[in-house]
């Protein structure tokens, strides 16, 4: 079967597609580790975030969202399997645990839990499904609750879940094949009305980055 191709989209097993831009393949294969200077640069950024947050009365939390390779390696193209023991994220976490003031949350365990019973990523997209996002949200709220006990933690039980059929996602669109890719993904809708509200982007935020600030749902 003839398939359209792009340098930054890879065909995995079955109908699975993977994004390969921004050095993702080298990271997944563990052939392009961070240099010490890279980690020091990240730590300088983190230190600045800590200082700014302290002035504003915030306690910063960095939640690291894993890419699809790290959660669904079993569907990755057979020719690009890992060749080294440690990836960039593990390097990053190990370095920051020793050197940084930031509270950093690795979301891989949350997504790996989600995939046991649900599809956590679209097969034709770079993004989580809505159910995958709920598991990520729960992990973030649990970490916040460890600092702010009144924080209400939402879990999948707070959402109604149904399977819906959709056209292909962003990777299929990049191939010009969005209508050729059809998949069934879990949709998650909050059962109770949301109590969070969106506010305007604070002046101290980087204007080139899109921020959505929500108030945290708290216990009634």
Protein backbone atom coordinates (compact mmCIF):
# COMPACT_ATOMS: atom_id res chain seq x y z
CA UNK A 1 0.00 0.00 0.00
CA UNK A 2 1.44 3.37 -1.02
CA UNK A 3 1.77 5.90 1.76
CA UNK A 4 2.37 9.61 1.61
CA UNK A 5 5.54 10.65 3.40
CA UNK A 6 7.08 13.53 5.32
CA UNK A 7 10.46 13.74 7.01
CA UNK A 8 8.92 14.69 10.35
CA UNK A 9 6.13 12.08 10.47
CA UNK A 10 6.97 8.40 10.92
CA UNK A 11 4.77 5.38 10.29
CA UNK A 12 4.67 3.01 13.26
CA UNK A 13 2.91 -0.30 13.73
CA UNK A 14 -0.65 -0.52 12.43
CA UNK A 15 -2.13 2.96 12.01
CA UNK A 16 0.17 4.62 14.56
CA UNK A 17 1.97 7.78 13.53
CA UNK A 18 4.82 9.49 15.38
CA UNK A 19 6.26 12.99 15.16
CA UNK A 20 10.02 13.08 14.64
CA UNK A 21 10.82 16.81 14.75
CA UNK A 22 12.79 18.73 17.39
CA UNK A 23 15.21 15.84 18.00
CA UNK A 24 12.51 13.51 19.36
CA UNK A 25 13.90 10.43 17.61
CA UNK A 26 17.43 11.00 18.92
CA UNK A 27 15.97 11.41 22.40
CA UNK A 28 13.90 8.24 22.10
CA UNK A 29 16.87 6.26 20.75
CA UNK A 30 19.00 7.79 23.53
CA UNK A 31 21.71 8.76 21.08
CA UNK A 32 21.52 12.53 21.75
CA UNK A 33 21.88 13.09 25.50
CA UNK A 34 21.94 16.45 27.22
CA UNK A 35 25.34 18.00 27.73
CA UNK A 36 26.15 19.31 31.17
CA UNK A 37 25.90 22.85 29.79
CA UNK A 38 22.37 22.13 28.52
CA UNK A 39 21.26 21.11 31.99
CA UNK A 40 22.92 24.14 33.53
CA UNK A 41 21.04 26.38 31.08
CA UNK A 42 17.73 24.75 32.04
CA UNK A 43 18.60 25.19 35.69
CA UNK A 44 19.27 28.90 35.15
CA UNK A 45 15.80 29.23 33.63
CA UNK A 46 14.34 27.32 36.57
CA UNK A 47 16.15 29.50 39.08
CA UNK A 48 14.70 32.60 37.42
CA UNK A 49 11.22 31.09 37.57
CA UNK A 50 11.71 30.30 41.25
CA UNK A 51 12.81 33.85 42.02
CA UNK A 52 9.92 35.45 40.10
CA UNK A 53 7.40 33.08 41.65
CA UNK A 54 8.67 33.78 45.16
CA UNK A 55 8.22 37.53 44.60
CA UNK A 56 4.62 36.90 43.53
CA UNK A 57 3.89 34.48 46.36
CA UNK A 58 3.69 31.41 44.13
CA UNK A 59 5.27 27.98 44.52
CA UNK A 60 6.19 26.91 40.97
CA UNK A 61 5.46 23.41 39.71
CA UNK A 62 6.85 22.14 36.42
CA UNK A 63 4.88 19.21 35.04
CA UNK A 64 6.74 17.44 32.26
CA UNK A 65 4.43 16.05 29.57
CA UNK A 66 5.91 12.96 27.91
CA UNK A 67 5.90 12.49 24.16
CA UNK A 68 4.13 9.54 22.55
CA UNK A 69 7.32 7.52 22.04
CA UNK A 70 7.86 7.31 25.81
CA UNK A 71 4.34 6.05 26.59
CA UNK A 72 3.64 3.93 23.50
CA UNK A 73 7.05 2.56 22.44
CA UNK A 74 5.44 -0.73 21.41
CA UNK A 75 3.96 0.86 18.26
CA UNK A 76 7.06 2.83 17.27
CA UNK A 77 8.81 2.03 13.97
CA UNK A 78 10.91 -1.09 14.43
CA UNK A 79 14.05 0.54 13.03
CA UNK A 80 14.41 3.25 15.67
CA UNK A 81 14.44 1.37 18.97
CA UNK A 82 16.45 2.72 21.95
CA UNK A 83 20.16 1.94 21.93
CA UNK A 84 21.23 3.57 25.21
CA UNK A 85 20.21 3.26 28.87
CA UNK A 86 19.09 6.80 29.74
CA UNK A 87 16.96 9.34 27.88
CA UNK A 88 16.97 13.12 28.17
CA UNK A 89 14.00 13.29 30.53
CA UNK A 90 15.66 10.98 33.04
CA UNK A 91 18.84 13.04 32.79
CA UNK A 92 16.81 16.17 33.37
CA UNK A 93 14.96 14.76 36.38
CA UNK A 94 18.12 13.38 38.00
CA UNK A 95 19.98 16.68 37.58
CA UNK A 96 17.12 18.82 38.85
CA UNK A 97 16.52 16.61 41.87
CA UNK A 98 20.04 17.44 43.00
CA UNK A 99 20.43 21.04 41.84
CA UNK A 100 17.10 22.79 41.41
CA UNK A 101 14.65 24.59 43.68
CA UNK A 102 11.74 23.58 41.44
CA UNK A 103 9.10 21.00 42.21
CA UNK A 104 9.08 18.86 39.05
CA UNK A 105 6.41 16.29 38.23
CA UNK A 106 7.09 13.48 35.74
CA UNK A 107 3.74 12.65 34.12
CA UNK A 108 4.87 9.40 32.49
CA UNK A 109 3.49 7.21 35.31
CA UNK A 110 0.08 8.90 35.02
CA UNK A 111 -0.12 8.27 31.27
CA UNK A 112 1.14 4.71 31.66
CA UNK A 113 -1.66 4.10 34.18
CA UNK A 114 -4.19 5.62 31.78
CA UNK A 115 -3.16 3.33 28.91
CA UNK A 116 -3.89 0.19 30.92
CA UNK A 117 -7.64 0.60 30.36
CA UNK A 118 -7.93 3.47 27.90
CA UNK A 119 -6.29 4.99 24.85
CA UNK A 120 -4.06 7.70 26.32
CA UNK A 121 -2.77 9.17 23.04
CA UNK A 122 -4.36 9.45 19.63
CA UNK A 123 -2.71 7.04 17.21
CA UNK A 124 -2.70 9.73 14.50
CA UNK A 125 -1.88 12.75 16.66
CA UNK A 126 0.87 14.04 18.95
CA UNK A 127 -1.59 14.78 21.76
CA UNK A 128 -3.19 12.92 24.63
CA UNK A 129 -6.79 11.86 24.39
CA UNK A 130 -9.17 13.58 26.79
CA UNK A 131 -8.94 10.59 29.13
CA UNK A 132 -5.14 10.78 29.02
CA UNK A 133 -5.45 14.45 29.92
CA UNK A 134 -7.67 13.61 32.90
CA UNK A 135 -5.00 11.28 34.29
CA UNK A 136 -2.40 14.00 33.80
CA UNK A 137 -4.70 16.52 35.52
CA UNK A 138 -5.22 14.19 38.49
CA UNK A 139 -1.46 13.78 38.96
CA UNK A 140 -0.94 17.55 38.85
CA UNK A 141 -3.74 18.24 41.31
CA UNK A 142 -2.45 15.58 43.71
CA UNK A 143 0.96 17.23 43.71
CA UNK A 144 -0.62 20.64 44.28
CA UNK A 145 -2.73 19.18 47.08
CA UNK A 146 0.47 18.09 48.84
CA UNK A 147 1.25 21.82 49.16
CA UNK A 148 -2.30 23.20 49.31
CA UNK A 149 -4.41 20.64 51.24
CA UNK A 150 -7.75 22.27 50.39
CA UNK A 151 -7.24 21.54 46.69
CA UNK A 152 -9.89 19.23 45.31
CA UNK A 153 -8.45 16.41 43.20
CA UNK A 154 -10.42 15.45 40.12
CA UNK A 155 -10.20 11.89 38.80
CA UNK A 156 -11.82 9.92 36.00
CA UNK A 157 -14.78 9.23 38.29
CA UNK A 158 -15.67 12.93 37.97
CA UNK A 159 -16.05 12.58 34.20
CA UNK A 160 -18.40 10.76 31.89
CA UNK A 161 -16.47 8.79 29.26
CA UNK A 162 -17.66 7.66 25.86
CA UNK A 163 -15.95 6.38 22.75
CA UNK A 164 -16.31 8.64 19.71
CA UNK A 165 -15.15 8.24 16.12
CA UNK A 166 -13.09 11.12 14.77
CA UNK A 167 -11.06 12.08 11.73
CA UNK A 168 -7.30 11.72 11.97
CA UNK A 169 -5.32 14.10 14.16
CA UNK A 170 -2.49 16.54 13.54
CA UNK A 171 -0.01 13.98 12.21
CA UNK A 172 -2.52 12.65 9.70
CA UNK A 173 -3.24 16.26 8.70
CA UNK A 174 0.47 16.91 8.20
CA UNK A 175 0.46 14.00 5.75
CA UNK A 176 -2.58 15.36 3.95
CA UNK A 177 -4.49 12.25 4.99
CA UNK A 178 -6.75 13.50 7.78
CA UNK A 179 -9.91 12.13 6.17
CA UNK A 180 -8.23 8.79 5.41
CA UNK A 181 -7.44 8.22 9.08
CA UNK A 182 -10.46 7.44 11.21
CA UNK A 183 -10.04 6.37 14.81
CA UNK A 184 -12.07 5.81 17.93
CA UNK A 185 -10.92 7.81 20.94
CA UNK A 186 -12.31 8.23 24.48
CA UNK A 187 -14.04 11.52 25.20
CA UNK A 188 -14.22 12.78 28.80
CA UNK A 189 -16.76 15.37 29.92
CA UNK A 190 -16.92 16.80 33.44
CA UNK A 191 -20.09 15.63 35.17
CA UNK A 192 -20.55 18.73 37.36
CA UNK A 193 -20.29 22.34 36.12
CA UNK A 194 -16.72 23.61 36.19
CA UNK A 195 -15.90 26.06 38.99
CA UNK A 196 -12.67 27.22 37.38
CA UNK A 197 -12.53 30.44 35.42
CA UNK A 198 -10.09 31.83 32.91
CA UNK A 199 -8.29 35.06 33.76
CA UNK A 200 -6.20 37.44 31.71
CA UNK A 201 -2.57 36.62 31.10
CA UNK A 202 -0.38 38.22 33.81
CA UNK A 203 2.01 40.92 32.65
CA UNK A 204 5.05 38.94 33.80
CA UNK A 205 4.29 36.03 31.45
CA UNK A 206 6.19 35.67 28.20
CA UNK A 207 3.94 37.27 25.57
CA UNK A 208 5.08 34.75 22.95
CA UNK A 209 3.60 31.88 24.97
CA UNK A 210 -0.09 31.13 25.28
CA UNK A 211 -1.15 30.76 28.92
CA UNK A 212 -4.45 29.61 30.32
CA UNK A 213 -4.71 30.38 34.03
CA UNK A 214 -7.42 28.64 35.97
CA UNK A 215 -8.43 28.89 39.58
CA UNK A 216 -8.07 25.56 41.31
CA UNK A 217 -11.25 23.68 42.22
CA UNK A 218 -11.38 23.43 46.01
CA UNK A 219 -13.34 21.31 48.43
CA UNK A 220 -16.84 22.54 49.11
